[in-house]
Every structure is written in C-alpha cells, then in structure tokens.
Protein backbone atom coordinates (compact mmCIF):
# COMPACT_ATOMS: atom_id res chain seq x y z
CA MET A 1 -16.74 -15.96 -16.82
CA GLY A 2 -16.06 -17.00 -13.14
CA GLN A 3 -12.85 -17.51 -11.77
CA SER A 4 -11.21 -20.65 -11.35
CA ALA A 5 -10.88 -22.57 -8.20
CA PHE A 6 -7.12 -21.76 -7.89
CA GLU A 7 -7.86 -18.23 -9.16
CA LYS A 8 -10.08 -17.95 -6.09
CA ILE A 9 -7.61 -19.69 -3.71
CA TYR A 10 -4.81 -17.17 -4.83
CA GLU A 11 -6.97 -14.25 -4.04
CA VAL A 12 -7.33 -15.61 -0.59
CA VAL A 13 -3.58 -16.35 -0.01
CA LYS A 14 -2.77 -12.94 -1.06
CA GLN A 15 -4.78 -11.44 1.69
CA ILE A 16 -2.96 -13.27 4.37
CA PRO A 17 -1.01 -10.63 6.32
CA TYR A 18 2.63 -10.58 6.67
CA GLY A 19 3.51 -12.47 10.13
CA GLN A 20 0.31 -14.64 9.94
CA VAL A 21 -0.72 -17.85 8.74
CA ALA A 22 -3.99 -19.78 7.71
CA THR A 23 -4.52 -23.29 7.30
CA TYR A 24 -5.34 -25.06 4.09
CA GLY A 25 -9.18 -25.52 5.49
CA GLN A 26 -9.18 -22.14 6.25
CA VAL A 27 -8.24 -20.97 2.90
CA ALA A 28 -10.65 -23.42 1.22
CA ALA A 29 -13.65 -22.12 3.09
CA ILE A 30 -13.02 -18.42 2.66
CA ALA A 31 -12.45 -19.30 -1.36
CA GLY A 32 -15.67 -20.89 -1.20
CA ASN A 33 -15.67 -24.59 -0.35
CA ARG A 34 -14.97 -25.97 2.92
CA ARG A 35 -13.99 -29.37 0.84
CA TRP A 36 -11.23 -27.87 -1.09
CA ALA A 37 -8.30 -28.07 1.28
CA ARG A 38 -6.61 -30.77 -0.92
CA VAL A 39 -7.13 -28.48 -3.87
CA VAL A 40 -5.46 -25.61 -1.92
CA GLY A 41 -2.51 -27.82 -1.56
CA TYR A 42 -2.50 -28.61 -5.55
CA ALA A 43 -2.95 -24.61 -6.15
CA LEU A 44 -0.30 -23.71 -3.93
CA HIS A 45 2.20 -26.45 -5.32
CA ALA A 46 1.27 -24.81 -8.83
CA ASN A 47 1.61 -21.58 -7.61
CA PRO A 48 2.64 -19.11 -10.53
CA ASP A 49 3.87 -16.18 -8.85
CA PRO A 50 5.28 -17.11 -5.34
CA GLU A 51 6.79 -13.34 -5.11
CA HIS A 52 2.98 -12.26 -5.12
CA ILE A 53 1.13 -15.35 -3.70
CA PRO A 54 2.64 -16.00 -0.39
CA CYS A 55 2.27 -19.67 -0.19
CA HIS A 56 4.67 -20.08 2.51
CA ARG A 57 1.71 -18.54 4.61
CA VAL A 58 -0.43 -21.76 4.28
CA VAL A 59 0.05 -24.44 7.01
CA ASN A 60 -1.82 -27.57 8.07
CA ARG A 61 -4.71 -27.58 10.95
CA GLU A 62 -2.19 -28.36 13.28
CA GLY A 63 0.27 -25.36 12.31
CA ARG A 64 2.94 -27.94 10.46
CA VAL A 65 4.53 -26.78 7.09
CA SER A 66 4.62 -28.92 4.20
CA GLU A 67 7.76 -31.27 3.63
CA ALA A 68 6.51 -30.81 -0.25
CA PHE A 69 6.69 -27.05 -0.09
CA ALA A 70 7.29 -26.43 -3.66
CA PHE A 71 10.10 -23.48 -3.28
CA GLY A 72 12.79 -25.42 -1.45
CA GLY A 73 10.93 -27.90 0.84
CA GLY A 74 9.70 -27.45 4.60
CA ASN A 75 12.68 -25.68 5.79
CA ARG A 76 12.41 -23.02 3.12
CA GLN A 77 8.79 -22.64 4.41
CA VAL A 78 10.07 -22.40 8.23
CA GLU A 79 12.76 -20.04 7.09
CA LEU A 80 10.52 -17.92 5.25
CA LEU A 81 7.80 -18.00 8.04
CA MET A 82 10.47 -17.14 10.72
CA ALA A 83 11.98 -14.17 8.72
CA GLU A 84 8.74 -12.81 9.09
CA GLY A 85 8.40 -13.19 12.89
CA VAL A 86 6.22 -16.09 13.27
CA GLU A 87 7.45 -18.41 15.90
CA PHE A 88 7.29 -22.20 16.11
CA VAL A 89 6.80 -24.77 19.05
CA ASN A 90 8.23 -28.26 18.85
CA GLY A 91 8.03 -27.96 15.07
CA TYR A 92 4.58 -26.08 14.78
CA VAL A 93 3.26 -22.75 14.20
CA ASP A 94 1.59 -21.50 17.29
CA LEU A 95 -1.80 -21.13 15.70
CA ALA A 96 -3.64 -19.57 18.66
CA HIS A 97 -0.93 -16.46 18.23
CA TYR A 98 -0.15 -16.24 14.36
CA GLN A 99 -3.24 -17.69 12.59
CA TRP A 100 -4.90 -14.90 10.38
CA GLU A 101 -8.29 -13.77 11.81
CA ARG A 102 -9.69 -12.59 8.36
CA PRO A 103 -12.15 -9.28 9.15
CA SER A 104 -15.68 -10.08 8.25
CA TYR A 105 -17.49 -8.04 5.84
C-alpha cells in the first residue's frame, strides 16, 4: 500500500538539514504535489514525532515562522531555529542563505 500524504510530507521534512529551512510549498512539491502547501501545515500541526520530524524547519514562502506552531508557538519555533544557527532579518528567515537546496537525484 502507498504512503499517505502526511507520511510523504514527514519523509521530506526529516531530510531538511540542521541549520536550514524549507517552505511549505517546497515540502509539498518534493512530497509529490505542489498544491499540498496547506496540507503540509496540517501534517506538521499533527506531527506525531517532533523529536525526529523537525517541523520547526518549515517556514512560509517569505521566511516567516508559524504563529500557530504546534509545539510552543512562533517564539518557540524562532528559538529552535536560532539554536541551529539560523538568522532572522526583521522577523524573517533569510531564505537566500538558509533555504535548503535539496540535491536532485
């Protein structure tokens, strides 16, 4: 049986390296459907294993964190990213510097 959308999303999020971020749309596209950006948000909010599925590394297309971050709110997401060395400029992650460039296979 095939993987569910959430399982595909979690597999992608697990690949985001320490100290980097991906956007909801980027995760959706890699998971197989560019239209799943909102589904990515739902999946991350329901994350069953935040210790191994680093949902804090997913930000919006502008580099903003989620105010509804399920594991402590937006401030907690900022703390987790900053602890990994991710820098913020005027409240946004500098995507030019920290966005994950997934290797193509």
